[in-house]
Amino acid sequence: DSDLVIQKNGNYELTDMGDLVFKKVQSLVNVL
């Protein structure tokens, strides 16, 4: 609903915006 994930061909994957958010979240989680 937040346009971060979509379902394609039976798989769940990140949208382009989801990928941008993922990279920042991953970086923050790694530092913490």
All heavy atoms as atom14 arrays in JSON, in Angstrom:
{
  "sequence": "DSDLVIQKNGNYELTDMGDLVFKKVQSLVNVL",
  "atom14_mask": [
    [1, 1, 1, 1, 1, 1, 1, 1, 0, 0, 0, 0, 0, 0],
    [1, 1, 1, 1, 1, 1, 0, 0, 0, 0, 0, 0, 0, 0],
    [1, 1, 1, 1, 1, 1, 1, 1, 0, 0, 0, 0, 0, 0],
    [1, 1, 1, 1, 1, 1, 1, 1, 0, 0, 0, 0, 0, 0],
    [1, 1, 1, 1, 1, 1, 1, 0, 0, 0, 0, 0, 0, 0],
    [1, 1, 1, 1, 1, 1, 1, 1, 0, 0, 0, 0, 0, 0],
    [1, 1, 1, 1, 1, 1, 1, 1, 1, 0, 0, 0, 0, 0],
    [1, 1, 1, 1, 1, 1, 1, 1, 1, 0, 0, 0, 0, 0],
    [1, 1, 1, 1, 1, 1, 1, 1, 0, 0, 0, 0, 0, 0],
    [1, 1, 1, 1, 0, 0, 0, 0, 0, 0, 0, 0, 0, 0],
    [1, 1, 1, 1, 1, 1, 1, 1, 0, 0, 0, 0, 0, 0],
    [1, 1, 1, 1, 1, 1, 1, 1, 1, 1, 1, 1, 0, 0],
    [1, 1, 1, 1, 1, 1, 1, 1, 1, 0, 0, 0, 0, 0],
    [1, 1, 1, 1, 1, 1, 1, 1, 0, 0, 0, 0, 0, 0],
    [1, 1, 1, 1, 1, 1, 1, 0, 0, 0, 0, 0, 0, 0],
    [1, 1, 1, 1, 1, 1, 1, 1, 0, 0, 0, 0, 0, 0],
    [1, 1, 1, 1, 1, 1, 1, 1, 0, 0, 0, 0, 0, 0],
    [1, 1, 1, 1, 0, 0, 0, 0, 0, 0, 0, 0, 0, 0],
    [1, 1, 1, 1, 1, 1, 1, 1, 0, 0, 0, 0, 0, 0],
    [1, 1, 1, 1, 1, 1, 1, 1, 0, 0, 0, 0, 0, 0],
    [1, 1, 1, 1, 1, 1, 1, 0, 0, 0, 0, 0, 0, 0],
    [1, 1, 1, 1, 1, 1, 1, 1, 1, 1, 1, 0, 0, 0],
    [1, 1, 1, 1, 1, 1, 1, 1, 1, 0, 0, 0, 0, 0],
    [1, 1, 1, 1, 1, 1, 1, 1, 1, 0, 0, 0, 0, 0],
    [1, 1, 1, 1, 1, 1, 1, 0, 0, 0, 0, 0, 0, 0],
    [1, 1, 1, 1, 1, 1, 1, 1, 1, 0, 0, 0, 0, 0],
    [1, 1, 1, 1, 1, 1, 0, 0, 0, 0, 0, 0, 0, 0],
    [1, 1, 1, 1, 1, 1, 1, 1, 0, 0, 0, 0, 0, 0],
    [1, 1, 1, 1, 1, 1, 1, 0, 0, 0, 0, 0, 0, 0],
    [1, 1, 1, 1, 1, 1, 1, 1, 0, 0, 0, 0, 0, 0],
    [1, 1, 1, 1, 1, 1, 1, 0, 0, 0, 0, 0, 0, 0],
    [1, 1, 1, 1, 1, 1, 1, 1, 0, 0, 0, 0, 0, 0]
  ],
  "atom14_positions": [
    [[0.82, -1.22, 0.0], [0.0, 0.0, 0.0], [0.86, 1.27, 0.0], [0.42, 2.32, -0.46], [-0.94, 0.03, 1.2], [-2.05, -1.02, 1.1], [-2.22, -1.6, 0.0], [-2.72, -1.27, 2.12], [0.0, 0.0, 0.0], [0.0, 0.0, 0.0], [0.0, 0.0, 0.0], [0.0, 0.0, 0.0], [0.0, 0.0, 0.0], [0.0, 0.0, 0.0]],
    [[2.06, 1.17, 0.52], [2.98, 2.32, 0.57], [3.88, 2.39, -0.66], [4.83, 3.18, -0.69], [3.83, 2.25, 1.84], [3.03, 2.29, 2.98], [0.0, 0.0, 0.0], [0.0, 0.0, 0.0], [0.0, 0.0, 0.0], [0.0, 0.0, 0.0], [0.0, 0.0, 0.0], [0.0, 0.0, 0.0], [0.0, 0.0, 0.0], [0.0, 0.0, 0.0]],
    [[3.62, 1.54, -1.63], [4.4, 1.5, -2.88], [5.88, 1.17, -2.67], [6.74, 1.64, -3.42], [4.26, 2.82, -3.66], [2.84, 3.07, -4.11], [2.17, 2.11, -4.55], [2.39, 4.24, -4.04], [0.0, 0.0, 0.0], [0.0, 0.0, 0.0], [0.0, 0.0, 0.0], [0.0, 0.0, 0.0], [0.0, 0.0, 0.0], [0.0, 0.0, 0.0]],
    [[6.16, 0.35, -1.67], [7.53, -0.08, -1.45], [7.77, -1.5, -1.98], [8.9, -1.86, -2.29], [7.88, -0.02, 0.05], [7.83, 1.36, 0.69], [8.1, 1.26, 2.19], [8.81, 2.31, 0.03], [0.0, 0.0, 0.0], [0.0, 0.0, 0.0], [0.0, 0.0, 0.0], [0.0, 0.0, 0.0], [0.0, 0.0, 0.0], [0.0, 0.0, 0.0]],
    [[6.69, -2.29, -2.05], [6.78, -3.69, -2.48], [5.69, -3.97, -3.51], [4.59, -3.42, -3.42], [6.6, -4.64, -1.26], [6.45, -6.09, -1.68], [7.78, -4.5, -0.29], [0.0, 0.0, 0.0], [0.0, 0.0, 0.0], [0.0, 0.0, 0.0], [0.0, 0.0, 0.0], [0.0, 0.0, 0.0], [0.0, 0.0, 0.0], [0.0, 0.0, 0.0]],
    [[6.03, -4.82, -4.48], [5.03, -5.29, -5.44], [5.16, -6.81, -5.56], [6.18, -7.38, -5.18], [5.2, -4.65, -6.85], [6.6, -4.92, -7.4], [4.88, -3.18, -6.83], [6.78, -4.48, -8.85], [0.0, 0.0, 0.0], [0.0, 0.0, 0.0], [0.0, 0.0, 0.0], [0.0, 0.0, 0.0], [0.0, 0.0, 0.0], [0.0, 0.0, 0.0]],
    [[4.1, -7.43, -6.07], [4.15, -8.86, -6.33], [4.19, -9.08, -7.83], [3.37, -8.52, -8.56], [2.93, -9.57, -5.73], [3.0, -11.07, -5.88], [1.81, -11.79, -5.28], [0.79, -11.19, -4.98], [1.95, -13.1, -5.12], [0.0, 0.0, 0.0], [0.0, 0.0, 0.0], [0.0, 0.0, 0.0], [0.0, 0.0, 0.0], [0.0, 0.0, 0.0]],
    [[5.19, -9.84, -8.27], [5.36, -10.14, -9.69], [5.69, -11.61, -9.85], [6.62, -12.1, -9.21], [6.55, -9.35, -10.26], [6.25, -8.06, -10.91], [7.52, -7.62, -11.66], [7.56, -6.14, -11.83], [8.82, -5.67, -12.38], [0.0, 0.0, 0.0], [0.0, 0.0, 0.0], [0.0, 0.0, 0.0], [0.0, 0.0, 0.0], [0.0, 0.0, 0.0]],
    [[4.93, -12.28, -10.69], [5.21, -13.69, -11.01], [5.4, -14.56, -9.76], [6.31, -15.38, -9.7], [6.44, -13.81, -11.91], [6.31, -13.01, -13.18], [5.22, -12.9, -13.73], [7.41, -12.44, -13.64], [0.0, 0.0, 0.0], [0.0, 0.0, 0.0], [0.0, 0.0, 0.0], [0.0, 0.0, 0.0], [0.0, 0.0, 0.0], [0.0, 0.0, 0.0]],
    [[4.59, -14.36, -8.76], [4.67, -15.17, -7.54], [5.76, -14.75, -6.57], [5.94, -15.38, -5.54], [0.0, 0.0, 0.0], [0.0, 0.0, 0.0], [0.0, 0.0, 0.0], [0.0, 0.0, 0.0], [0.0, 0.0, 0.0], [0.0, 0.0, 0.0], [0.0, 0.0, 0.0], [0.0, 0.0, 0.0], [0.0, 0.0, 0.0], [0.0, 0.0, 0.0]],
    [[6.5, -13.71, -6.91], [7.56, -13.21, -6.03], [7.19, -11.84, -5.51], [6.53, -11.05, -6.2], [8.89, -13.07, -6.78], [9.53, -14.39, -7.07], [9.44, -15.33, -6.29], [10.19, -14.49, -8.21], [0.0, 0.0, 0.0], [0.0, 0.0, 0.0], [0.0, 0.0, 0.0], [0.0, 0.0, 0.0], [0.0, 0.0, 0.0], [0.0, 0.0, 0.0]],
    [[7.65, -11.55, -4.31], [7.53, -10.19, -3.77], [8.87, -9.52, -3.97], [9.93, -10.12, -3.73], [7.16, -10.23, -2.28], [5.77, -10.75, -2.05], [5.55, -12.1, -1.77], [4.66, -9.91, -2.14], [4.26, -12.58, -1.57], [3.38, -10.38, -1.95], [3.18, -11.72, -1.67], [1.91, -12.19, -1.49], [0.0, 0.0, 0.0], [0.0, 0.0, 0.0]],
    [[8.83, -8.28, -4.44], [10.07, -7.55, -4.68], [9.87, -6.07, -4.39], [8.74, -5.58, -4.31], [10.58, -7.76, -6.1], [9.65, -7.28, -7.19], [10.17, -7.62, -8.58], [10.25, -8.81, -8.92], [10.49, -6.66, -9.31], [0.0, 0.0, 0.0], [0.0, 0.0, 0.0], [0.0, 0.0, 0.0], [0.0, 0.0, 0.0], [0.0, 0.0, 0.0]],
    [[10.97, -5.38, -4.24], [10.91, -3.94, -3.95], [10.62, -3.16, -5.22], [11.09, -3.51, -6.31], [12.24, -3.46, -3.37], [12.66, -4.05, -2.02], [14.0, -3.46, -1.58], [11.6, -3.82, -0.96], [0.0, 0.0, 0.0], [0.0, 0.0, 0.0], [0.0, 0.0, 0.0], [0.0, 0.0, 0.0], [0.0, 0.0, 0.0], [0.0, 0.0, 0.0]],
    [[9.87, -2.09, -5.08], [9.69, -1.13, -6.17], [10.96, -0.28, -6.24], [11.86, -0.41, -5.39], [8.48, -0.22, -5.89], [8.75, 0.54, -4.7], [7.2, -1.02, -5.74], [0.0, 0.0, 0.0], [0.0, 0.0, 0.0], [0.0, 0.0, 0.0], [0.0, 0.0, 0.0], [0.0, 0.0, 0.0], [0.0, 0.0, 0.0], [0.0, 0.0, 0.0]],
    [[11.03, 0.59, -7.22], [12.19, 1.49, -7.3], [12.29, 2.34, -6.03], [13.38, 2.51, -5.47], [12.11, 2.39, -8.54], [12.31, 1.6, -9.83], [12.9, 0.5, -9.78], [11.88, 2.1, -10.89], [0.0, 0.0, 0.0], [0.0, 0.0, 0.0], [0.0, 0.0, 0.0], [0.0, 0.0, 0.0], [0.0, 0.0, 0.0], [0.0, 0.0, 0.0]],
    [[11.14, 2.86, -5.56], [11.15, 3.65, -4.33], [11.51, 2.76, -3.14], [12.26, 3.17, -2.25], [9.79, 4.32, -4.1], [9.81, 5.23, -2.88], [8.32, 6.22, -2.68], [7.12, 4.99, -2.29], [0.0, 0.0, 0.0], [0.0, 0.0, 0.0], [0.0, 0.0, 0.0], [0.0, 0.0, 0.0], [0.0, 0.0, 0.0], [0.0, 0.0, 0.0]],
    [[11.02, 1.53, -3.14], [11.36, 0.59, -2.07], [12.85, 0.31, -2.02], [13.44, 0.19, -0.95], [0.0, 0.0, 0.0], [0.0, 0.0, 0.0], [0.0, 0.0, 0.0], [0.0, 0.0, 0.0], [0.0, 0.0, 0.0], [0.0, 0.0, 0.0], [0.0, 0.0, 0.0], [0.0, 0.0, 0.0], [0.0, 0.0, 0.0], [0.0, 0.0, 0.0]],
    [[13.47, 0.24, -3.19], [14.91, 0.01, -3.24], [15.68, 1.19, -2.67], [16.67, 1.01, -1.94], [15.35, -0.27, -4.68], [16.78, -0.75, -4.76], [17.13, -1.72, -4.06], [17.57, -0.12, -5.52], [0.0, 0.0, 0.0], [0.0, 0.0, 0.0], [0.0, 0.0, 0.0], [0.0, 0.0, 0.0], [0.0, 0.0, 0.0], [0.0, 0.0, 0.0]],
    [[15.23, 2.41, -2.97], [15.87, 3.61, -2.38], [15.75, 3.6, -0.87], [16.72, 3.87, -0.15], [15.23, 4.88, -2.94], [15.5, 5.22, -4.4], [14.62, 6.38, -4.85], [16.96, 5.55, -4.59], [0.0, 0.0, 0.0], [0.0, 0.0, 0.0], [0.0, 0.0, 0.0], [0.0, 0.0, 0.0], [0.0, 0.0, 0.0], [0.0, 0.0, 0.0]],
    [[14.55, 3.29, -0.39], [14.31, 3.24, 1.07], [15.16, 2.14, 1.69], [15.8, 2.32, 2.72], [12.81, 3.05, 1.37], [12.58, 2.77, 2.85], [12.02, 4.28, 0.92], [0.0, 0.0, 0.0], [0.0, 0.0, 0.0], [0.0, 0.0, 0.0], [0.0, 0.0, 0.0], [0.0, 0.0, 0.0], [0.0, 0.0, 0.0], [0.0, 0.0, 0.0]],
    [[15.19, 0.98, 1.04], [15.98, -0.16, 1.54], [17.44, 0.23, 1.75], [18.03, -0.07, 2.78], [15.88, -1.33, 0.56], [17.03, -2.29, 0.65], [17.13, -3.18, 1.72], [18.03, -2.3, -0.31], [18.2, -4.06, 1.82], [19.09, -3.18, -0.21], [19.18, -4.06, 0.85], [0.0, 0.0, 0.0], [0.0, 0.0, 0.0], [0.0, 0.0, 0.0]],
    [[18.05, 0.89, 0.76], [19.47, 1.25, 0.86], [19.74, 2.15, 2.05], [20.74, 1.98, 2.76], [19.94, 1.89, -0.44], [20.05, 0.9, -1.58], [20.38, 1.55, -2.89], [20.41, 0.51, -4.0], [20.45, 1.09, -5.31], [0.0, 0.0, 0.0], [0.0, 0.0, 0.0], [0.0, 0.0, 0.0], [0.0, 0.0, 0.0], [0.0, 0.0, 0.0]],
    [[18.86, 3.11, 2.31], [19.05, 4.01, 3.45], [18.79, 3.29, 4.76], [19.53, 3.47, 5.74], [18.15, 5.24, 3.32], [18.45, 6.11, 2.12], [19.87, 6.64, 2.19], [20.17, 7.54, 1.0], [21.53, 8.01, 1.0], [0.0, 0.0, 0.0], [0.0, 0.0, 0.0], [0.0, 0.0, 0.0], [0.0, 0.0, 0.0], [0.0, 0.0, 0.0]],
    [[17.75, 2.48, 4.81], [17.42, 1.74, 6.03], [18.54, 0.76, 6.35], [18.98, 0.64, 7.5], [16.06, 1.03, 5.91], [15.84, 0.06, 7.05], [14.93, 2.05, 5.85], [0.0, 0.0, 0.0], [0.0, 0.0, 0.0], [0.0, 0.0, 0.0], [0.0, 0.0, 0.0], [0.0, 0.0, 0.0], [0.0, 0.0, 0.0], [0.0, 0.0, 0.0]],
    [[19.02, 0.06, 5.33], [20.11, -0.89, 5.54], [21.35, -0.19, 6.09], [21.99, -0.68, 7.01], [20.45, -1.62, 4.24], [21.53, -2.67, 4.43], [21.92, -3.32, 3.13], [22.05, -2.67, 2.09], [22.11, -4.63, 3.17], [0.0, 0.0, 0.0], [0.0, 0.0, 0.0], [0.0, 0.0, 0.0], [0.0, 0.0, 0.0], [0.0, 0.0, 0.0]],
    [[21.67, 0.96, 5.54], [22.83, 1.72, 6.01], [22.65, 2.11, 7.48], [23.58, 1.95, 8.29], [23.0, 2.96, 5.13], [24.08, 3.72, 5.58], [0.0, 0.0, 0.0], [0.0, 0.0, 0.0], [0.0, 0.0, 0.0], [0.0, 0.0, 0.0], [0.0, 0.0, 0.0], [0.0, 0.0, 0.0], [0.0, 0.0, 0.0], [0.0, 0.0, 0.0]],
    [[21.48, 2.61, 7.83], [21.21, 2.99, 9.22], [21.26, 1.78, 10.15], [21.88, 1.83, 11.22], [19.85, 3.68, 9.32], [19.41, 4.08, 10.74], [20.39, 5.05, 11.37], [18.0, 4.64, 10.7], [0.0, 0.0, 0.0], [0.0, 0.0, 0.0], [0.0, 0.0, 0.0], [0.0, 0.0, 0.0], [0.0, 0.0, 0.0], [0.0, 0.0, 0.0]],
    [[20.65, 0.69, 9.76], [20.65, -0.53, 10.58], [22.08, -1.03, 10.77], [22.46, -1.44, 11.87], [19.74, -1.61, 9.96], [19.96, -2.97, 10.61], [18.28, -1.2, 10.07], [0.0, 0.0, 0.0], [0.0, 0.0, 0.0], [0.0, 0.0, 0.0], [0.0, 0.0, 0.0], [0.0, 0.0, 0.0], [0.0, 0.0, 0.0], [0.0, 0.0, 0.0]],
    [[22.91, -0.97, 9.73], [24.3, -1.41, 9.84], [25.07, -0.55, 10.85], [25.83, -1.08, 11.67], [25.0, -1.36, 8.48], [24.52, -2.44, 7.54], [23.84, -3.37, 7.94], [24.86, -2.3, 6.28], [0.0, 0.0, 0.0], [0.0, 0.0, 0.0], [0.0, 0.0, 0.0], [0.0, 0.0, 0.0], [0.0, 0.0, 0.0], [0.0, 0.0, 0.0]],
    [[24.89, 0.76, 10.81], [25.57, 1.65, 11.75], [25.1, 1.37, 13.17], [25.9, 1.23, 14.1], [25.35, 3.14, 11.4], [25.83, 4.05, 12.51], [26.06, 3.49, 10.1], [0.0, 0.0, 0.0], [0.0, 0.0, 0.0], [0.0, 0.0, 0.0], [0.0, 0.0, 0.0], [0.0, 0.0, 0.0], [0.0, 0.0, 0.0], [0.0, 0.0, 0.0]],
    [[23.8, 1.25, 13.36], [23.26, 0.99, 14.7], [23.7, -0.37, 15.22], [24.01, -0.51, 16.4], [21.74, 1.1, 14.69], [21.19, 2.5, 14.39], [19.67, 2.47, 14.29], [21.66, 3.51, 15.41], [0.0, 0.0, 0.0], [0.0, 0.0, 0.0], [0.0, 0.0, 0.0], [0.0, 0.0, 0.0], [0.0, 0.0, 0.0], [0.0, 0.0, 0.0]]
  ]
}
